[in-house]
Amino acid sequence: MTTYGILKADGWLESRSGSGTYVCAKPAARAREQTQHLVLAGSSTLNLLQIDDSEVIDFGVGTTRPLAELPRELYEPGPAIMNSLLSERNYMPLGLPALRHAIATHYTERGLATTPDQILVTSGAQQAIAIVTALYVQRGDTVLVESPTYFGGLDVLRFTGARLAPLTVGPEHVAPGEVRDKLMA
């Protein structure tokens, strides 16, 4: 490959037919790579996942180390559940229909009339925080967060471009006056 070819492939040069070859004002590929690197480097969750010490108890990630010693039958679905899953379309963005139905039934039995259509099952807190943030937070918005708080939530908010305003959590929880002061600022 020629030098020009390499520079074009890396996003440094662009050619316009009949006009010549020019240096890109902001190489798109390079800028994308740098942005991805900065986001990943600043990710608390990613940094925690890199800890490989069996003596460290990690509360930031919210998962245990692999439990390879557990018998597989404890966490594999039985034949009835497997057959039911195989009869579905295999893409359930709102969650497993049977689980959504069971959750709706649970709420209804406790006095809150709920239908499966009102239930959204996520794969965990991280996904739920990402969905809510995508719906309600825009770049530059100020978001009040407890301090200390869940690392993964902070990563989602930072990635969105939110400005974080920490609220100190003390023995009596967050002081109402501190919330008022942050809201008035």
N, C-alpha and C. Protein backbone atom coordinates (compact mmCIF):
# COMPACT_ATOMS: atom_id res chain seq x y z
N MET A 1 0.85 -1.17 0.00
CA MET A 1 0.00 0.00 0.00
C MET A 1 0.90 1.24 0.00
N THR A 2 0.49 2.26 -0.72
CA THR A 2 1.28 3.49 -0.81
C THR A 2 1.10 4.33 0.45
N THR A 3 1.97 5.29 0.64
CA THR A 3 1.88 6.18 1.79
C THR A 3 0.55 6.93 1.77
N TYR A 4 0.16 7.44 0.58
CA TYR A 4 -1.14 8.12 0.46
C TYR A 4 -2.28 7.18 0.85
N GLY A 5 -2.19 5.94 0.42
CA GLY A 5 -3.23 4.95 0.72
C GLY A 5 -3.36 4.72 2.21
N ILE A 6 -2.22 4.62 2.89
CA ILE A 6 -2.22 4.41 4.34
C ILE A 6 -2.83 5.62 5.04
N LEU A 7 -2.42 6.83 4.63
CA LEU A 7 -2.95 8.04 5.25
C LEU A 7 -4.45 8.19 5.00
N LYS A 8 -4.92 7.79 3.82
CA LYS A 8 -6.36 7.83 3.52
C LYS A 8 -7.10 6.82 4.39
N ALA A 9 -6.54 5.61 4.49
CA ALA A 9 -7.18 4.55 5.28
C ALA A 9 -7.28 4.94 6.75
N ASP A 10 -6.29 5.67 7.26
CA ASP A 10 -6.29 6.10 8.67
C ASP A 10 -7.11 7.36 8.89
N GLY A 11 -7.66 7.94 7.81
CA GLY A 11 -8.51 9.11 7.95
C GLY A 11 -7.79 10.44 7.96
N TRP A 12 -6.51 10.47 7.60
CA TRP A 12 -5.74 11.71 7.60
C TRP A 12 -5.90 12.49 6.30
N LEU A 13 -6.15 11.78 5.21
CA LEU A 13 -6.28 12.44 3.90
C LEU A 13 -7.61 12.08 3.28
N GLU A 14 -8.10 13.00 2.44
CA GLU A 14 -9.27 12.68 1.63
C GLU A 14 -9.03 13.21 0.23
N SER A 15 -9.56 12.50 -0.74
CA SER A 15 -9.39 12.88 -2.14
C SER A 15 -10.74 13.26 -2.71
N ARG A 16 -10.72 14.31 -3.52
CA ARG A 16 -11.93 14.72 -4.23
C ARG A 16 -11.62 14.67 -5.71
N SER A 17 -12.44 13.94 -6.43
CA SER A 17 -12.22 13.75 -7.86
C SER A 17 -12.14 15.11 -8.56
N GLY A 18 -11.06 15.31 -9.29
CA GLY A 18 -10.85 16.55 -10.03
C GLY A 18 -10.33 17.68 -9.20
N SER A 19 -10.19 17.48 -7.88
CA SER A 19 -9.77 18.55 -6.98
C SER A 19 -8.44 18.26 -6.32
N GLY A 20 -8.09 17.00 -6.18
CA GLY A 20 -6.83 16.65 -5.56
C GLY A 20 -7.02 15.96 -4.22
N THR A 21 -5.92 15.88 -3.47
CA THR A 21 -5.89 15.22 -2.17
C THR A 21 -5.60 16.27 -1.11
N TYR A 22 -6.36 16.22 -0.02
CA TYR A 22 -6.24 17.22 1.05
C TYR A 22 -6.08 16.54 2.40
N VAL A 23 -5.45 17.27 3.33
CA VAL A 23 -5.36 16.82 4.72
C VAL A 23 -6.71 17.10 5.36
N CYS A 24 -7.27 16.11 6.04
CA CYS A 24 -8.56 16.28 6.69
C CYS A 24 -8.44 17.29 7.83
N ALA A 25 -9.47 18.12 7.98
CA ALA A 25 -9.48 19.10 9.06
C ALA A 25 -9.46 18.40 10.41
N LYS A 26 -10.24 17.37 10.56
CA LYS A 26 -10.28 16.58 11.80
C LYS A 26 -10.45 15.14 11.38
N PRO A 27 -9.37 14.39 11.34
CA PRO A 27 -9.48 13.00 10.89
C PRO A 27 -10.53 12.23 11.69
N ALA A 28 -11.60 11.81 11.03
CA ALA A 28 -12.73 11.17 11.69
C ALA A 28 -12.32 9.90 12.42
N ALA A 29 -11.57 9.04 11.76
CA ALA A 29 -11.19 7.77 12.38
C ALA A 29 -10.34 8.02 13.62
N ARG A 30 -9.42 8.96 13.52
CA ARG A 30 -8.53 9.27 14.64
C ARG A 30 -9.31 9.87 15.81
N ALA A 31 -10.22 10.79 15.50
CA ALA A 31 -11.03 11.42 16.55
C ALA A 31 -11.91 10.38 17.25
N ARG A 32 -12.50 9.46 16.47
CA ARG A 32 -13.35 8.41 17.04
C ARG A 32 -12.53 7.51 17.96
N GLU A 33 -11.33 7.15 17.51
CA GLU A 33 -10.45 6.28 18.30
C GLU A 33 -10.05 6.97 19.61
N GLN A 34 -9.72 8.25 19.54
CA GLN A 34 -9.33 8.98 20.75
C GLN A 34 -10.50 9.10 21.71
N THR A 35 -11.71 9.36 21.20
CA THR A 35 -12.89 9.47 22.05
C THR A 35 -13.16 8.15 22.75
N GLN A 36 -13.10 7.05 22.00
CA GLN A 36 -13.34 5.74 22.60
C GLN A 36 -12.30 5.46 23.68
N HIS A 37 -11.04 5.81 23.40
CA HIS A 37 -9.98 5.58 24.38
C HIS A 37 -10.24 6.38 25.66
N LEU A 38 -10.63 7.65 25.52
CA LEU A 38 -10.89 8.49 26.69
C LEU A 38 -12.06 7.98 27.51
N VAL A 39 -13.13 7.56 26.83
CA VAL A 39 -14.29 7.04 27.54
C VAL A 39 -13.92 5.78 28.31
N LEU A 40 -13.21 4.87 27.65
CA LEU A 40 -12.84 3.62 28.31
C LEU A 40 -11.83 3.86 29.43
N ALA A 41 -10.87 4.75 29.21
CA ALA A 41 -9.86 5.02 30.23
C ALA A 41 -10.49 5.63 31.47
N GLY A 42 -11.55 6.42 31.30
CA GLY A 42 -12.21 7.06 32.43
C GLY A 42 -13.30 6.21 33.06
N SER A 43 -13.49 5.01 32.58
CA SER A 43 -14.56 4.15 33.08
C SER A 43 -14.16 3.46 34.37
N SER A 44 -14.86 3.81 35.44
CA SER A 44 -14.60 3.17 36.73
C SER A 44 -14.86 1.68 36.66
N THR A 45 -15.96 1.32 35.97
CA THR A 45 -16.33 -0.09 35.88
C THR A 45 -15.27 -0.88 35.14
N LEU A 46 -14.78 -0.36 34.02
CA LEU A 46 -13.74 -1.06 33.26
C LEU A 46 -12.49 -1.24 34.12
N ASN A 47 -12.11 -0.21 34.85
CA ASN A 47 -10.93 -0.32 35.70
C ASN A 47 -11.12 -1.38 36.78
N LEU A 48 -12.33 -1.46 37.34
CA LEU A 48 -12.60 -2.47 38.37
C LEU A 48 -12.55 -3.88 37.79
N LEU A 49 -13.02 -4.03 36.55
CA LEU A 49 -13.02 -5.35 35.93
C LEU A 49 -11.61 -5.87 35.68
N GLN A 50 -10.62 -4.98 35.66
CA GLN A 50 -9.25 -5.37 35.40
C GLN A 50 -8.53 -5.87 36.65
N ILE A 51 -9.17 -5.73 37.81
CA ILE A 51 -8.56 -6.22 39.05
C ILE A 51 -8.62 -7.74 39.03
N ASP A 52 -7.47 -8.38 39.13
CA ASP A 52 -7.43 -9.83 39.09
C ASP A 52 -6.75 -10.35 40.36
N ASP A 53 -7.43 -10.15 41.47
CA ASP A 53 -6.88 -10.53 42.76
C ASP A 53 -7.98 -11.25 43.54
N SER A 54 -7.79 -12.50 43.81
CA SER A 54 -8.83 -13.28 44.49
C SER A 54 -9.08 -12.80 45.91
N GLU A 55 -8.16 -12.01 46.47
CA GLU A 55 -8.34 -11.49 47.83
C GLU A 55 -9.17 -10.21 47.87
N VAL A 56 -9.42 -9.60 46.70
CA VAL A 56 -10.16 -8.34 46.64
C VAL A 56 -11.65 -8.64 46.55
N ILE A 57 -12.43 -8.03 47.45
CA ILE A 57 -13.88 -8.11 47.37
C ILE A 57 -14.33 -6.84 46.68
N ASP A 58 -14.93 -6.98 45.51
CA ASP A 58 -15.24 -5.86 44.65
C ASP A 58 -16.73 -5.54 44.71
N PHE A 59 -17.10 -4.46 45.39
CA PHE A 59 -18.50 -4.05 45.50
C PHE A 59 -18.92 -3.17 44.33
N GLY A 60 -17.99 -2.70 43.52
CA GLY A 60 -18.28 -1.78 42.44
C GLY A 60 -18.92 -2.42 41.23
N VAL A 61 -18.62 -3.68 40.97
CA VAL A 61 -19.10 -4.34 39.76
C VAL A 61 -20.45 -5.02 40.00
N GLY A 62 -20.69 -5.49 41.19
CA GLY A 62 -21.98 -6.09 41.50
C GLY A 62 -22.12 -7.53 41.04
N THR A 63 -21.01 -8.19 40.76
CA THR A 63 -21.07 -9.61 40.40
C THR A 63 -19.99 -10.35 41.17
N THR A 64 -20.18 -11.63 41.29
CA THR A 64 -19.18 -12.44 41.96
C THR A 64 -18.20 -12.97 40.93
N ARG A 65 -17.15 -13.54 41.41
CA ARG A 65 -16.23 -14.25 40.52
C ARG A 65 -16.99 -15.47 39.98
N PRO A 66 -16.56 -16.04 38.85
CA PRO A 66 -17.25 -17.22 38.33
C PRO A 66 -17.38 -18.32 39.38
N LEU A 67 -18.55 -18.92 39.44
CA LEU A 67 -18.82 -19.96 40.41
C LEU A 67 -18.75 -21.33 39.74
N ALA A 68 -17.58 -21.66 39.25
CA ALA A 68 -17.39 -22.88 38.47
C ALA A 68 -17.66 -24.15 39.28
N GLU A 69 -17.53 -24.07 40.60
CA GLU A 69 -17.72 -25.29 41.41
C GLU A 69 -19.19 -25.65 41.63
N LEU A 70 -20.13 -24.75 41.28
CA LEU A 70 -21.55 -25.07 41.43
C LEU A 70 -21.99 -26.09 40.39
N PRO A 71 -22.85 -27.03 40.77
CA PRO A 71 -23.38 -27.99 39.79
C PRO A 71 -24.20 -27.26 38.72
N ARG A 72 -23.99 -27.58 37.47
CA ARG A 72 -24.64 -26.89 36.35
C ARG A 72 -26.16 -26.97 36.42
N GLU A 73 -26.71 -28.04 36.95
CA GLU A 73 -28.17 -28.18 36.99
C GLU A 73 -28.83 -27.10 37.86
N LEU A 74 -28.04 -26.42 38.72
CA LEU A 74 -28.60 -25.36 39.55
C LEU A 74 -28.89 -24.09 38.75
N TYR A 75 -28.21 -23.89 37.66
CA TYR A 75 -28.44 -22.65 36.91
C TYR A 75 -28.74 -22.87 35.42
N GLU A 76 -29.07 -24.06 35.04
CA GLU A 76 -29.52 -24.32 33.67
C GLU A 76 -31.03 -24.51 33.69
N PRO A 77 -31.72 -23.95 32.69
CA PRO A 77 -33.17 -24.13 32.67
C PRO A 77 -33.52 -25.59 32.39
N GLY A 78 -34.62 -26.02 32.95
CA GLY A 78 -35.08 -27.38 32.69
C GLY A 78 -35.66 -27.49 31.30
N PRO A 79 -36.04 -28.72 30.89
CA PRO A 79 -36.56 -28.95 29.53
C PRO A 79 -37.81 -28.13 29.22
N ALA A 80 -38.71 -27.95 30.17
CA ALA A 80 -39.95 -27.20 29.91
C ALA A 80 -39.63 -25.74 29.60
N ILE A 81 -38.75 -25.14 30.39
CA ILE A 81 -38.39 -23.74 30.16
C ILE A 81 -37.61 -23.62 28.85
N MET A 82 -36.71 -24.54 28.60
CA MET A 82 -35.92 -24.49 27.36
C MET A 82 -36.82 -24.60 26.14
N ASN A 83 -37.80 -25.52 26.16
CA ASN A 83 -38.73 -25.66 25.03
C ASN A 83 -39.54 -24.39 24.84
N SER A 84 -39.96 -23.78 25.95
CA SER A 84 -40.73 -22.54 25.87
C SER A 84 -39.88 -21.43 25.24
N LEU A 85 -38.62 -21.32 25.65
CA LEU A 85 -37.73 -20.29 25.11
C LEU A 85 -37.47 -20.52 23.61
N LEU A 86 -37.33 -21.78 23.24
CA LEU A 86 -37.05 -22.09 21.84
C LEU A 86 -38.25 -21.84 20.93
N SER A 87 -39.45 -21.74 21.51
CA SER A 87 -40.63 -21.46 20.70
C SER A 87 -40.86 -19.96 20.53
N GLU A 88 -40.08 -19.13 21.23
CA GLU A 88 -40.18 -17.67 21.12
C GLU A 88 -39.33 -17.18 19.96
N ARG A 89 -39.44 -15.90 19.65
CA ARG A 89 -38.69 -15.30 18.55
C ARG A 89 -37.22 -15.05 18.92
N ASN A 90 -36.86 -15.20 20.17
CA ASN A 90 -35.50 -15.06 20.66
C ASN A 90 -35.01 -13.62 20.79
N TYR A 91 -35.83 -12.63 20.47
CA TYR A 91 -35.46 -11.25 20.70
C TYR A 91 -36.58 -10.63 21.50
N MET A 92 -36.32 -10.35 22.74
CA MET A 92 -37.36 -9.86 23.64
C MET A 92 -36.87 -8.58 24.30
N PRO A 93 -36.93 -7.45 23.61
CA PRO A 93 -36.38 -6.21 24.15
C PRO A 93 -37.05 -5.74 25.44
N LEU A 94 -38.27 -6.18 25.70
CA LEU A 94 -38.96 -5.79 26.93
C LEU A 94 -38.77 -6.82 28.05
N GLY A 95 -38.13 -7.93 27.74
CA GLY A 95 -37.93 -8.98 28.73
C GLY A 95 -38.71 -10.23 28.38
N LEU A 96 -38.38 -11.31 29.01
CA LEU A 96 -39.04 -12.59 28.81
C LEU A 96 -40.52 -12.45 29.15
N PRO A 97 -41.43 -12.76 28.21
CA PRO A 97 -42.86 -12.57 28.44
C PRO A 97 -43.37 -13.26 29.72
N ALA A 98 -42.94 -14.46 29.98
CA ALA A 98 -43.41 -15.17 31.18
C ALA A 98 -42.96 -14.45 32.45
N LEU A 99 -41.76 -13.88 32.44
CA LEU A 99 -41.26 -13.14 33.59
C LEU A 99 -42.05 -11.84 33.76
N ARG A 100 -42.33 -11.14 32.67
CA ARG A 100 -43.11 -9.91 32.74
C ARG A 100 -44.50 -10.19 33.29
N HIS A 101 -45.09 -11.31 32.85
CA HIS A 101 -46.41 -11.71 33.36
C HIS A 101 -46.34 -12.00 34.85
N ALA A 102 -45.32 -12.73 35.29
CA ALA A 102 -45.18 -13.08 36.71
C ALA A 102 -44.99 -11.82 37.56
N ILE A 103 -44.22 -10.86 37.08
CA ILE A 103 -44.00 -9.62 37.83
C ILE A 103 -45.31 -8.82 37.92
N ALA A 104 -46.05 -8.74 36.80
CA ALA A 104 -47.33 -8.02 36.81
C ALA A 104 -48.31 -8.68 37.78
N THR A 105 -48.34 -10.00 37.79
CA THR A 105 -49.21 -10.74 38.71
C THR A 105 -48.82 -10.45 40.16
N HIS A 106 -47.54 -10.44 40.43
CA HIS A 106 -47.03 -10.15 41.79
C HIS A 106 -47.51 -8.78 42.26
N TYR A 107 -47.38 -7.76 41.43
CA TYR A 107 -47.84 -6.41 41.81
C TYR A 107 -49.35 -6.35 41.97
N THR A 108 -50.08 -7.02 41.06
CA THR A 108 -51.54 -7.02 41.12
C THR A 108 -52.02 -7.68 42.40
N GLU A 109 -51.42 -8.79 42.80
CA GLU A 109 -51.80 -9.50 44.02
C GLU A 109 -51.53 -8.66 45.27
N ARG A 110 -50.65 -7.70 45.17
CA ARG A 110 -50.32 -6.85 46.31
C ARG A 110 -51.05 -5.51 46.26
N GLY A 111 -52.05 -5.40 45.36
CA GLY A 111 -52.92 -4.23 45.35
C GLY A 111 -52.60 -3.18 44.31
N LEU A 112 -51.60 -3.40 43.46
CA LEU A 112 -51.28 -2.44 42.41
C LEU A 112 -51.57 -3.10 41.06
N ALA A 113 -52.75 -2.80 40.52
CA ALA A 113 -53.16 -3.42 39.25
C ALA A 113 -52.11 -3.13 38.17
N THR A 114 -51.51 -4.21 37.64
CA THR A 114 -50.42 -4.08 36.67
C THR A 114 -50.60 -5.11 35.57
N THR A 115 -50.31 -4.71 34.32
CA THR A 115 -50.35 -5.63 33.19
C THR A 115 -48.92 -5.89 32.72
N PRO A 116 -48.68 -7.00 32.04
CA PRO A 116 -47.33 -7.28 31.52
C PRO A 116 -46.82 -6.17 30.59
N ASP A 117 -47.74 -5.47 29.91
CA ASP A 117 -47.33 -4.37 29.02
C ASP A 117 -46.72 -3.20 29.78
N GLN A 118 -46.94 -3.14 31.07
CA GLN A 118 -46.39 -2.05 31.89
C GLN A 118 -45.04 -2.42 32.50
N ILE A 119 -44.54 -3.59 32.20
CA ILE A 119 -43.30 -4.10 32.79
C ILE A 119 -42.18 -4.12 31.75
N LEU A 120 -41.02 -3.63 32.15
CA LEU A 120 -39.81 -3.70 31.33
C LEU A 120 -38.75 -4.39 32.18
N VAL A 121 -38.25 -5.52 31.72
CA VAL A 121 -37.23 -6.27 32.44
C VAL A 121 -35.88 -5.95 31.81
N THR A 122 -34.94 -5.51 32.62
CA THR A 122 -33.59 -5.22 32.12
C THR A 122 -32.65 -6.32 32.58
N SER A 123 -31.46 -6.32 31.99
CA SER A 123 -30.48 -7.33 32.39
C SER A 123 -29.77 -6.94 33.68
N GLY A 124 -30.05 -5.75 34.19
CA GLY A 124 -29.46 -5.33 35.45
C GLY A 124 -29.54 -3.82 35.61
N ALA A 125 -28.96 -3.34 36.71
CA ALA A 125 -29.00 -1.92 37.03
C ALA A 125 -28.35 -1.08 35.95
N GLN A 126 -27.24 -1.56 35.40
CA GLN A 126 -26.51 -0.78 34.39
C GLN A 126 -27.40 -0.49 33.19
N GLN A 127 -28.11 -1.48 32.70
CA GLN A 127 -28.99 -1.27 31.55
C GLN A 127 -30.14 -0.34 31.92
N ALA A 128 -30.71 -0.51 33.09
CA ALA A 128 -31.82 0.34 33.52
C ALA A 128 -31.37 1.80 33.63
N ILE A 129 -30.21 2.03 34.21
CA ILE A 129 -29.68 3.39 34.33
C ILE A 129 -29.43 3.98 32.95
N ALA A 130 -28.89 3.18 32.04
CA ALA A 130 -28.62 3.67 30.68
C ALA A 130 -29.91 4.05 29.96
N ILE A 131 -30.98 3.27 30.13
CA ILE A 131 -32.26 3.57 29.49
C ILE A 131 -32.85 4.86 30.04
N VAL A 132 -32.88 4.98 31.37
CA VAL A 132 -33.44 6.18 31.99
C VAL A 132 -32.62 7.41 31.61
N THR A 133 -31.30 7.28 31.62
CA THR A 133 -30.43 8.40 31.25
C THR A 133 -30.67 8.81 29.81
N ALA A 134 -30.79 7.85 28.91
CA ALA A 134 -31.03 8.17 27.49
C ALA A 134 -32.36 8.90 27.31
N LEU A 135 -33.35 8.58 28.13
CA LEU A 135 -34.66 9.20 28.01
C LEU A 135 -34.71 10.61 28.61
N TYR A 136 -33.99 10.84 29.70
CA TYR A 136 -34.19 12.07 30.45
C TYR A 136 -32.99 13.02 30.56
N VAL A 137 -31.80 12.57 30.24
CA VAL A 137 -30.60 13.41 30.46
C VAL A 137 -29.98 13.79 29.12
N GLN A 138 -29.70 15.08 28.98
CA GLN A 138 -29.03 15.58 27.79
C GLN A 138 -27.66 16.11 28.18
N ARG A 139 -26.76 16.21 27.20
CA ARG A 139 -25.42 16.73 27.43
C ARG A 139 -25.52 18.08 28.13
N GLY A 140 -24.78 18.24 29.22
CA GLY A 140 -24.75 19.50 29.95
C GLY A 140 -25.74 19.59 31.09
N ASP A 141 -26.72 18.66 31.16
CA ASP A 141 -27.67 18.66 32.27
C ASP A 141 -26.94 18.36 33.57
N THR A 142 -27.42 18.97 34.65
CA THR A 142 -26.87 18.67 35.98
C THR A 142 -27.69 17.54 36.58
N VAL A 143 -27.01 16.53 37.09
CA VAL A 143 -27.67 15.38 37.71
C VAL A 143 -27.17 15.26 39.14
N LEU A 144 -28.10 15.22 40.10
CA LEU A 144 -27.75 15.02 41.49
C LEU A 144 -27.48 13.53 41.72
N VAL A 145 -26.34 13.22 42.33
CA VAL A 145 -25.99 11.83 42.61
C VAL A 145 -25.53 11.71 44.06
N GLU A 146 -25.91 10.62 44.68
CA GLU A 146 -25.44 10.37 46.03
C GLU A 146 -23.95 10.09 46.01
N SER A 147 -23.28 10.46 47.08
CA SER A 147 -21.85 10.18 47.21
C SER A 147 -21.62 9.54 48.58
N PRO A 148 -21.23 8.28 48.61
CA PRO A 148 -20.81 7.42 47.50
C PRO A 148 -22.01 6.88 46.74
N THR A 149 -21.72 6.40 45.52
CA THR A 149 -22.78 5.85 44.67
C THR A 149 -22.22 4.73 43.80
N TYR A 150 -23.05 4.18 42.95
CA TYR A 150 -22.70 3.06 42.07
C TYR A 150 -21.82 3.56 40.92
N PHE A 151 -20.63 2.97 40.78
CA PHE A 151 -19.69 3.36 39.73
C PHE A 151 -20.31 3.32 38.34
N GLY A 152 -21.04 2.27 38.05
CA GLY A 152 -21.62 2.09 36.73
C GLY A 152 -22.56 3.23 36.36
N GLY A 153 -23.33 3.72 37.33
CA GLY A 153 -24.22 4.84 37.08
C GLY A 153 -23.44 6.10 36.73
N LEU A 154 -22.35 6.32 37.42
CA LEU A 154 -21.50 7.48 37.14
C LEU A 154 -20.94 7.40 35.73
N ASP A 155 -20.51 6.20 35.31
CA ASP A 155 -19.97 6.02 33.96
C ASP A 155 -21.00 6.38 32.90
N VAL A 156 -22.24 5.93 33.07
CA VAL A 156 -23.30 6.22 32.11
C VAL A 156 -23.54 7.73 32.04
N LEU A 157 -23.64 8.37 33.20
CA LEU A 157 -23.90 9.81 33.23
C LEU A 157 -22.75 10.60 32.62
N ARG A 158 -21.51 10.21 32.92
CA ARG A 158 -20.36 10.90 32.33
C ARG A 158 -20.34 10.74 30.82
N PHE A 159 -20.62 9.54 30.35
CA PHE A 159 -20.62 9.28 28.91
C PHE A 159 -21.67 10.13 28.20
N THR A 160 -22.80 10.36 28.87
CA THR A 160 -23.87 11.18 28.30
C THR A 160 -23.46 12.65 28.26
N GLY A 161 -22.51 13.04 29.10
CA GLY A 161 -22.08 14.43 29.14
C GLY A 161 -22.78 15.23 30.22
N ALA A 162 -23.36 14.54 31.19
CA ALA A 162 -24.03 15.22 32.29
C ALA A 162 -23.00 15.81 33.26
N ARG A 163 -23.39 16.89 33.91
CA ARG A 163 -22.57 17.45 34.98
C ARG A 163 -23.07 16.82 36.28
N LEU A 164 -22.16 16.25 37.04
CA LEU A 164 -22.55 15.54 38.26
C LEU A 164 -22.46 16.48 39.46
N ALA A 165 -23.51 16.49 40.27
CA ALA A 165 -23.53 17.28 41.50
C ALA A 165 -23.71 16.31 42.65
N PRO A 166 -22.61 15.99 43.37
CA PRO A 166 -22.70 14.98 44.44
C PRO A 166 -23.44 15.49 45.67
N LEU A 167 -24.21 14.59 46.26
CA LEU A 167 -24.91 14.83 47.52
C LEU A 167 -24.33 13.87 48.55
N THR A 168 -23.81 14.39 49.64
CA THR A 168 -23.18 13.56 50.66
C THR A 168 -24.22 12.73 51.39
N VAL A 169 -23.97 11.43 51.48
CA VAL A 169 -24.85 10.53 52.22
C VAL A 169 -24.24 10.33 53.60
N GLY A 170 -24.98 10.77 54.62
CA GLY A 170 -24.50 10.63 55.99
C GLY A 170 -25.35 9.63 56.75
N PRO A 171 -25.18 9.59 58.06
CA PRO A 171 -25.95 8.63 58.87
C PRO A 171 -27.46 8.83 58.76
N GLU A 172 -27.88 10.06 58.49
CA GLU A 172 -29.31 10.37 58.35
C GLU A 172 -29.69 10.51 56.88
N HIS A 173 -28.95 9.86 56.01
CA HIS A 173 -29.17 9.93 54.56
C HIS A 173 -28.74 11.28 54.02
N VAL A 174 -29.34 11.76 52.94
CA VAL A 174 -28.98 13.05 52.34
C VAL A 174 -29.76 14.15 53.05
N ALA A 175 -29.06 15.22 53.42
CA ALA A 175 -29.71 16.34 54.10
C ALA A 175 -30.60 17.09 53.12
N PRO A 176 -31.87 17.30 53.46
CA PRO A 176 -32.79 18.02 52.56
C PRO A 176 -32.27 19.41 52.17
N GLY A 177 -31.59 20.07 53.08
CA GLY A 177 -31.03 21.39 52.78
C GLY A 177 -29.99 21.34 51.68
N GLU A 178 -29.21 20.25 51.64
CA GLU A 178 -28.20 20.10 50.60
C GLU A 178 -28.86 19.90 49.24
N VAL A 179 -29.94 19.15 49.21
CA VAL A 179 -30.68 18.96 47.95
C VAL A 179 -31.23 20.31 47.48
N ARG A 180 -31.84 21.07 48.41
CA ARG A 180 -32.36 22.39 48.06
C ARG A 180 -31.27 23.29 47.50
N ASP A 181 -30.12 23.32 48.18
CA ASP A 181 -29.01 24.17 47.74
C ASP A 181 -28.53 23.79 46.35
N LYS A 182 -28.43 22.48 46.06
CA LYS A 182 -27.98 22.03 44.73
C LYS A 182 -29.01 22.38 43.66
N LEU A 183 -30.30 22.27 44.00
CA LEU A 183 -31.35 22.58 43.04
C LEU A 183 -31.40 24.09 42.75
N MET A 184 -31.06 24.90 43.73
CA MET A 184 -31.12 26.35 43.58
C MET A 184 -29.88 26.90 42.88
N ALA A 185 -28.79 26.11 42.84
CA ALA A 185 -27.53 26.60 42.26
C ALA A 185 -27.61 26.75 40.76
